[in-house]
Each structure stands twice: as C-alpha cells, then as structure tokens.
Amino acid sequence: MRNFILSAAVIAIAGVSTVKANEIKTPVVVTVQQDSAAFKLDSTMSTIKLDSTVNVVKQDSAAKVPVKLEALPEPVKNTLKADAYKEWTPTTAFLITNADKSTYYQVDVKKGDKVAFLKVGADGAVIQ
C-alpha cells in the first residue's frame, strides 16, 4: 500500500509539472465599482474577485482654450509687463476653465533656455 501511495504521488507530481498552463503575458484586470463594492474580473473571465480597494481614474475636467497673446485682457498684459516678469517672453496663452466654472489664463513664458508658465486671473493677479 505504501508503494502504491508513493507511486501515485510521484505520478501526480510528474503530471502537474508537465502540464503547460495558459500563460498570460499581459494580464487584463477590469475594475467595476457598484454600490461601494469593487469586483475584479481577470483576463480569463472565469473568476470574479471581491476587492476592497477601488481604483478611480479622474479625468481632468478643465477646459483649455488657446488664446492669442494680443487677445489677452489688459490686466493680464500689464502683469506680464511688470518688473517681476519683464525679462520673461510670453510664447503661448490658454484660457483655463475649471469644473467649478472658475477661469484663469495660463501663459507659457521663456527666458533664454528656461521655460515656465504663469497662472494669471482675469484681473491680473498671479495665482501661481
């Protein structure tokens, strides 16, 4: 009986080691959020796992509209001409509208090989 069990164990191990499983080179995980529970469906679509963590991707809801430098409001132009920023040359400008409907101008500026941007409100106040 001992030989039989030992032989069966050896055969089972040999059989398991020779089986080629379906190798997934790039696993696909789909996360679904419903009623504060997260379910993950693996790429074989055979198992569903309950997971307590939920990955939520938030899309940037700010609208970015290009604005010609000549079309910037006078307070913004005056800010760019101020002593603190007069060495920087404006290159492009954008009107940014956030999800909460607040707006500001993003002005890309350049000084030699340095590149930066300013966030300026419509009233000319520098936000950043």
C-alpha atoms as a PDB file:
ATOM      1  CA  MET A   1       0.000   0.000   0.000  1.00  0.00           C
ATOM      2  CA  ARG A   2       2.858   2.354   0.845  1.00  0.00           C
ATOM      3  CA  ASN A   3       4.421   1.745  -2.582  1.00  0.00           C
ATOM      4  CA  PHE A   4       1.110   2.409  -4.259  1.00  0.00           C
ATOM      5  CA  ILE A   5       0.655   5.779  -2.499  1.00  0.00           C
ATOM      6  CA  LEU A   6       4.269   6.729  -3.164  1.00  0.00           C
ATOM      7  CA  SER A   7       3.906   5.804  -6.854  1.00  0.00           C
ATOM      8  CA  ALA A   8       0.666   7.751  -7.141  1.00  0.00           C
ATOM      9  CA  ALA A   9       2.308  10.823  -5.562  1.00  0.00           C
ATOM     10  CA  VAL A  10       5.282  10.637  -7.959  1.00  0.00           C
ATOM     11  CA  ILE A  11       2.959  10.307 -10.958  1.00  0.00           C
ATOM     12  CA  ALA A  12       0.816  13.193  -9.744  1.00  0.00           C
ATOM     13  CA  ILE A  13       3.842  15.444  -9.297  1.00  0.00           C
ATOM     14  CA  ALA A  14       5.203  14.447 -12.694  1.00  0.00           C
ATOM     15  CA  GLY A  15       1.830  15.109 -14.283  1.00  0.00           C
ATOM     16  CA  VAL A  16       1.474  18.532 -12.674  1.00  0.00           C
ATOM     17  CA  SER A  17       4.985  19.573 -13.667  1.00  0.00           C
ATOM     18  CA  THR A  18       4.429  18.691 -17.327  1.00  0.00           C
ATOM     19  CA  VAL A  19       1.113  20.462 -17.741  1.00  0.00           C
ATOM     20  CA  LYS A  20       1.537  23.749 -19.551  1.00  0.00           C
ATOM     21  CA  ALA A  21      -0.791  26.342 -18.174  1.00  0.00           C
ATOM     22  CA  ASN A  22      -2.181  29.140 -20.280  1.00  0.00           C
ATOM     23  CA  GLU A  23       0.466  31.822 -19.781  1.00  0.00           C
ATOM     24  CA  ILE A  24      -0.868  35.362 -19.713  1.00  0.00           C
ATOM     25  CA  LYS A  25       1.815  37.754 -20.857  1.00  0.00           C
ATOM     26  CA  THR A  26      -0.178  40.936 -20.269  1.00  0.00           C
ATOM     27  CA  PRO A  27      -2.908  40.357 -17.693  1.00  0.00           C
ATOM     28  CA  VAL A  28      -6.065  42.359 -18.077  1.00  0.00           C
ATOM     29  CA  VAL A  29      -7.876  43.499 -14.966  1.00  0.00           C
ATOM     30  CA  VAL A  30     -11.226  45.213 -15.216  1.00  0.00           C
ATOM     31  CA  THR A  31     -12.392  47.077 -12.120  1.00  0.00           C
ATOM     32  CA  VAL A  32     -16.083  47.775 -11.756  1.00  0.00           C
ATOM     33  CA  GLN A  33     -17.471  49.902  -8.953  1.00  0.00           C
ATOM     34  CA  GLN A  34     -21.063  49.359  -7.962  1.00  0.00           C
ATOM     35  CA  ASP A  35     -22.739  50.175  -4.656  1.00  0.00           C
ATOM     36  CA  SER A  36     -19.364  50.797  -2.941  1.00  0.00           C
ATOM     37  CA  ALA A  37     -18.093  47.289  -3.738  1.00  0.00           C
ATOM     38  CA  ALA A  38     -15.360  46.540  -6.238  1.00  0.00           C
ATOM     39  CA  PHE A  39     -15.250  43.451  -8.386  1.00  0.00           C
ATOM     40  CA  LYS A  40     -12.225  42.428 -10.440  1.00  0.00           C
ATOM     41  CA  LEU A  41     -12.653  40.239 -13.485  1.00  0.00           C
ATOM     42  CA  ASP A  42      -9.433  38.639 -14.637  1.00  0.00           C
ATOM     43  CA  SER A  43      -8.459  38.172 -18.276  1.00  0.00           C
ATOM     44  CA  THR A  44      -9.623  34.567 -18.381  1.00  0.00           C
ATOM     45  CA  MET A  45     -13.105  35.805 -17.473  1.00  0.00           C
ATOM     46  CA  SER A  46     -13.520  32.787 -15.278  1.00  0.00           C
ATOM     47  CA  THR A  47     -13.186  34.277 -11.818  1.00  0.00           C
ATOM     48  CA  ILE A  48     -14.515  37.328 -10.075  1.00  0.00           C
ATOM     49  CA  LYS A  49     -12.623  38.508  -7.035  1.00  0.00           C
ATOM     50  CA  LEU A  50     -14.025  40.885  -4.456  1.00  0.00           C
ATOM     51  CA  ASP A  51     -11.506  43.603  -3.718  1.00  0.00           C
ATOM     52  CA  SER A  52     -11.769  46.245  -1.031  1.00  0.00           C
ATOM     53  CA  THR A  53      -9.716  48.782  -2.963  1.00  0.00           C
ATOM     54  CA  VAL A  54     -11.185  50.716  -5.830  1.00  0.00           C
ATOM     55  CA  ASN A  55      -9.085  52.492  -8.421  1.00  0.00           C
ATOM     56  CA  VAL A  56     -10.945  55.502  -9.713  1.00  0.00           C
ATOM     57  CA  VAL A  57      -9.496  57.426 -12.621  1.00  0.00           C
ATOM     58  CA  LYS A  58     -10.488  61.054 -12.616  1.00  0.00           C
ATOM     59  CA  GLN A  59     -10.373  62.895 -15.864  1.00  0.00           C
ATOM     60  CA  ASP A  60      -9.106  66.438 -15.820  1.00  0.00           C
ATOM     61  CA  SER A  61     -12.290  68.432 -16.190  1.00  0.00           C
ATOM     62  CA  ALA A  62     -10.554  71.710 -17.007  1.00  0.00           C
ATOM     63  CA  ALA A  63     -11.166  73.091 -20.483  1.00  0.00           C
ATOM     64  CA  LYS A  64      -8.048  74.540 -22.115  1.00  0.00           C
ATOM     65  CA  VAL A  65      -8.684  77.005 -24.951  1.00  0.00           C
ATOM     66  CA  PRO A  66      -5.789  78.653 -26.811  1.00  0.00           C
ATOM     67  CA  VAL A  67      -5.786  82.454 -26.730  1.00  0.00           C
ATOM     68  CA  LYS A  68      -3.710  84.787 -28.891  1.00  0.00           C
ATOM     69  CA  LEU A  69      -1.310  86.888 -26.859  1.00  0.00           C
ATOM     70  CA  GLU A  70      -2.803  90.032 -28.373  1.00  0.00           C
ATOM     71  CA  ALA A  71      -6.273  88.982 -27.207  1.00  0.00           C
ATOM     72  CA  LEU A  72      -5.327  88.718 -23.519  1.00  0.00           C
ATOM     73  CA  PRO A  73      -7.170  91.126 -21.218  1.00  0.00           C
ATOM     74  CA  GLU A  74      -5.321  94.356 -20.376  1.00  0.00           C
ATOM     75  CA  PRO A  75      -4.797  93.448 -16.684  1.00  0.00           C
ATOM     76  CA  VAL A  76      -3.066  90.207 -17.761  1.00  0.00           C
ATOM     77  CA  LYS A  77      -0.893  92.080 -20.275  1.00  0.00           C
ATOM     78  CA  ASN A  78       0.039  94.620 -17.578  1.00  0.00           C
ATOM     79  CA  THR A  79       1.048  91.796 -15.211  1.00  0.00           C
ATOM     80  CA  LEU A  80       3.305  90.304 -17.889  1.00  0.00           C
ATOM     81  CA  LYS A  81       4.936  93.744 -18.369  1.00  0.00           C
ATOM     82  CA  ALA A  82       5.523  94.187 -14.612  1.00  0.00           C
ATOM     83  CA  ASP A  83       9.069  94.286 -13.241  1.00  0.00           C
ATOM     84  CA  ALA A  84       8.891  90.732 -11.880  1.00  0.00           C
ATOM     85  CA  TYR A  85       8.101  89.243 -15.299  1.00  0.00           C
ATOM     86  CA  LYS A  86       9.502  91.728 -17.835  1.00  0.00           C
ATOM     87  CA  GLU A  87      12.565  89.521 -18.553  1.00  0.00           C
ATOM     88  CA  TRP A  88      10.286  86.621 -19.498  1.00  0.00           C
ATOM     89  CA  THR A  89       8.873  86.461 -23.025  1.00  0.00           C
ATOM     90  CA  PRO A  90       5.307  85.138 -23.371  1.00  0.00           C
ATOM     91  CA  THR A  91       5.080  82.399 -26.007  1.00  0.00           C
ATOM     92  CA  THR A  92       1.548  80.980 -25.772  1.00  0.00           C
ATOM     93  CA  ALA A  93      -1.545  81.547 -23.681  1.00  0.00           C
ATOM     94  CA  PHE A  94      -4.567  79.476 -22.752  1.00  0.00           C
ATOM     95  CA  LEU A  95      -7.867  80.245 -21.067  1.00  0.00           C
ATOM     96  CA  ILE A  96      -8.452  77.526 -18.482  1.00  0.00           C
ATOM     97  CA  THR A  97     -11.989  76.894 -17.240  1.00  0.00           C
ATOM     98  CA  ASN A  98     -12.205  74.559 -14.225  1.00  0.00           C
ATOM     99  CA  ALA A  99     -15.121  72.279 -13.395  1.00  0.00           C
ATOM    100  CA  ASP A 100     -16.343  74.839 -10.861  1.00  0.00           C
ATOM    101  CA  LYS A 101     -16.531  77.442 -13.686  1.00  0.00           C
ATOM    102  CA  SER A 102     -13.577  79.436 -12.331  1.00  0.00           C
ATOM    103  CA  THR A 103     -11.252  80.723 -15.033  1.00  0.00           C
ATOM    104  CA  TYR A 104      -7.659  81.870 -15.299  1.00  0.00           C
ATOM    105  CA  TYR A 105      -5.067  82.370 -18.020  1.00  0.00           C
ATOM    106  CA  GLN A 106      -2.075  80.068 -18.324  1.00  0.00           C
ATOM    107  CA  VAL A 107       0.715  81.967 -20.037  1.00  0.00           C
ATOM    108  CA  ASP A 108       3.768  79.995 -21.131  1.00  0.00           C
ATOM    109  CA  VAL A 109       6.894  82.138 -20.828  1.00  0.00           C
ATOM    110  CA  LYS A 110      10.507  81.743 -21.856  1.00  0.00           C
ATOM    111  CA  LYS A 111      13.749  83.313 -20.624  1.00  0.00           C
ATOM    112  CA  GLY A 112      16.827  82.137 -22.508  1.00  0.00           C
ATOM    113  CA  ASP A 113      16.695  78.334 -22.310  1.00  0.00           C
ATOM    114  CA  LYS A 114      14.330  78.319 -19.307  1.00  0.00           C
ATOM    115  CA  VAL A 115      10.636  77.636 -19.864  1.00  0.00           C
ATOM    116  CA  ALA A 116       7.877  78.213 -17.312  1.00  0.00           C
ATOM    117  CA  PHE A 117       4.224  79.179 -17.096  1.00  0.00           C
ATOM    118  CA  LEU A 118       2.166  81.623 -15.072  1.00  0.00           C
ATOM    119  CA  LYS A 119      -1.390  81.295 -13.880  1.00  0.00           C
ATOM    120  CA  VAL A 120      -2.960  84.723 -14.048  1.00  0.00           C
ATOM    121  CA  GLY A 121      -6.526  85.642 -13.172  1.00  0.00           C
ATOM    122  CA  ALA A 122      -8.581  87.875 -15.461  1.00  0.00           C
ATOM    123  CA  ASP A 123      -7.941  90.714 -13.006  1.00  0.00           C
ATOM    124  CA  GLY A 124      -4.170  90.373 -13.487  1.00  0.00           C
ATOM    125  CA  ALA A 125      -3.450  88.707 -10.149  1.00  0.00           C
ATOM    126  CA  VAL A 126      -0.876  85.924 -10.353  1.00  0.00           C
ATOM    127  CA  ILE A 127      -2.318  82.685  -8.973  1.00  0.00           C
ATOM    128  CA  GLN A 128       0.895  80.690  -9.116  1.00  0.00           C
END
